[in-house]
Amino acid sequence: MKTENIDKDKIDSNVKLVREYEGAQLFHIGILDLVVLNGTHKEMGQQYGGLLKDKILATTRHLEEDLHRFWETLIRKHSEGDWQTILYLRTKNIERFLSRNC
């Protein structure tokens, strides 16, 4: 299904065009993001990633930080050994898992 890009002259004044990427568009409407994609599933996936890369990476960083805090708390609470070494090794195992599976 082929869709046309939104005509910039017909956009409400509180809708802001933020970015365009390979024929796709990202708009901000207040606190919401509106993504307009077109093409094949593969093309739309690439457009989505290209438009929202920064947000995706920021979310990933936040998840990694939360996971790190979780493991630190858990290991401190239940470990009698060098909790910092255990935490470092656990973090490396998670990073390896993510790099292979994500």
Protein backbone atom coordinates (compact mmCIF):
# COMPACT_ATOMS: atom_id res chain seq x y z
CA MET A 1 0.00 0.00 0.00
CA LYS A 2 1.48 3.31 -1.07
CA THR A 3 0.84 6.39 1.02
CA GLU A 4 1.70 9.96 0.25
CA ASN A 5 3.70 12.24 2.52
CA ILE A 6 1.71 14.78 4.46
CA ASP A 7 1.49 18.16 2.74
CA LYS A 8 3.42 20.60 4.95
CA ASP A 9 1.11 23.48 3.95
CA LYS A 10 -1.92 21.67 5.42
CA ILE A 11 -0.40 21.01 8.86
CA ASP A 12 -1.90 22.60 11.99
CA SER A 13 0.42 25.15 13.63
CA ASN A 14 0.90 23.02 16.78
CA VAL A 15 2.16 20.09 14.68
CA LYS A 16 5.89 20.40 14.04
CA LEU A 17 7.85 18.52 11.41
CA VAL A 18 10.96 17.33 13.25
CA ARG A 19 12.79 15.16 10.75
CA GLU A 20 12.55 13.42 7.40
CA TYR A 21 14.37 10.22 6.50
CA GLU A 22 14.22 8.33 3.20
CA GLY A 23 10.72 9.60 2.40
CA ALA A 24 9.35 9.19 5.94
CA GLN A 25 8.41 12.01 8.30
CA LEU A 26 8.50 12.51 12.08
CA PHE A 27 6.15 15.08 13.60
CA HIS A 28 5.71 16.32 17.17
CA ILE A 29 2.15 17.00 18.25
CA GLY A 30 2.43 18.33 21.78
CA ILE A 31 4.11 15.49 23.70
CA LEU A 32 3.30 12.86 21.06
CA ASP A 33 5.36 11.69 18.10
CA LEU A 34 3.64 10.94 14.80
CA VAL A 35 5.61 8.86 12.32
CA VAL A 36 4.52 8.73 8.67
CA LEU A 37 6.13 5.78 6.86
CA ASN A 38 5.77 4.35 3.38
CA GLY A 39 7.14 1.56 1.25
CA THR A 40 7.70 -2.12 1.96
CA HIS A 41 7.85 -3.55 5.47
CA LYS A 42 11.63 -3.51 5.28
CA GLU A 43 11.73 0.10 4.05
CA MET A 44 9.30 1.20 6.77
CA GLY A 45 11.43 -0.54 9.41
CA GLN A 46 14.52 1.27 8.17
CA GLN A 47 12.63 4.59 8.10
CA TYR A 48 11.33 4.04 11.63
CA GLY A 49 14.81 3.26 12.92
CA GLY A 50 16.31 6.22 11.09
CA LEU A 51 13.71 8.64 12.43
CA LEU A 52 13.70 7.40 16.02
CA LYS A 53 17.29 6.21 16.44
CA ASP A 54 18.09 8.76 19.17
CA LYS A 55 15.02 7.85 21.22
CA ILE A 56 15.65 4.13 20.80
CA LEU A 57 19.27 4.50 21.95
CA ALA A 58 18.26 6.70 24.91
CA THR A 59 15.67 4.13 26.00
CA THR A 60 18.26 1.36 25.71
CA ARG A 61 20.71 3.35 27.86
CA HIS A 62 18.04 3.91 30.52
CA LEU A 63 17.20 0.20 30.55
CA GLU A 64 20.88 -0.70 30.89
CA GLU A 65 21.26 1.74 33.81
CA ASP A 66 18.16 0.35 35.53
CA LEU A 67 19.40 -3.20 35.03
CA HIS A 68 22.81 -2.27 36.42
CA ARG A 69 21.19 -0.74 39.55
CA PHE A 70 19.01 -3.82 39.95
CA TRP A 71 21.99 -6.18 39.83
CA GLU A 72 24.04 -3.97 42.13
CA THR A 73 21.27 -3.96 44.74
CA LEU A 74 20.66 -7.68 44.42
CA ILE A 75 24.34 -8.61 44.61
CA ARG A 76 25.06 -6.27 47.53
CA LYS A 77 22.16 -7.73 49.43
CA HIS A 78 22.94 -11.41 48.82
CA SER A 79 26.69 -11.55 48.35
CA GLU A 80 29.38 -12.09 50.96
CA GLY A 81 32.18 -11.64 48.45
CA ASP A 82 33.57 -8.83 46.37
CA TRP A 83 30.21 -7.51 45.12
CA GLN A 84 31.86 -5.05 42.68
CA THR A 85 33.66 -7.86 40.83
CA ILE A 86 30.51 -9.96 40.78
CA LEU A 87 28.55 -6.99 39.42
CA TYR A 88 31.17 -6.34 36.73
CA LEU A 89 31.08 -9.98 35.60
CA ARG A 90 27.27 -10.06 35.60
CA THR A 91 27.15 -6.86 33.53
CA LYS A 92 29.60 -8.32 30.98
CA ASN A 93 27.45 -11.46 30.68
CA ILE A 94 24.35 -9.35 30.05
CA GLU A 95 26.17 -7.22 27.45
CA ARG A 96 27.30 -10.38 25.64
CA PHE A 97 23.77 -11.77 25.70
CA LEU A 98 22.30 -8.51 24.33
CA SER A 99 24.91 -8.21 21.58
CA ARG A 100 24.13 -11.74 20.37
CA ASN A 101 20.35 -11.62 20.69
CA CYS A 102 19.28 -8.04 20.00
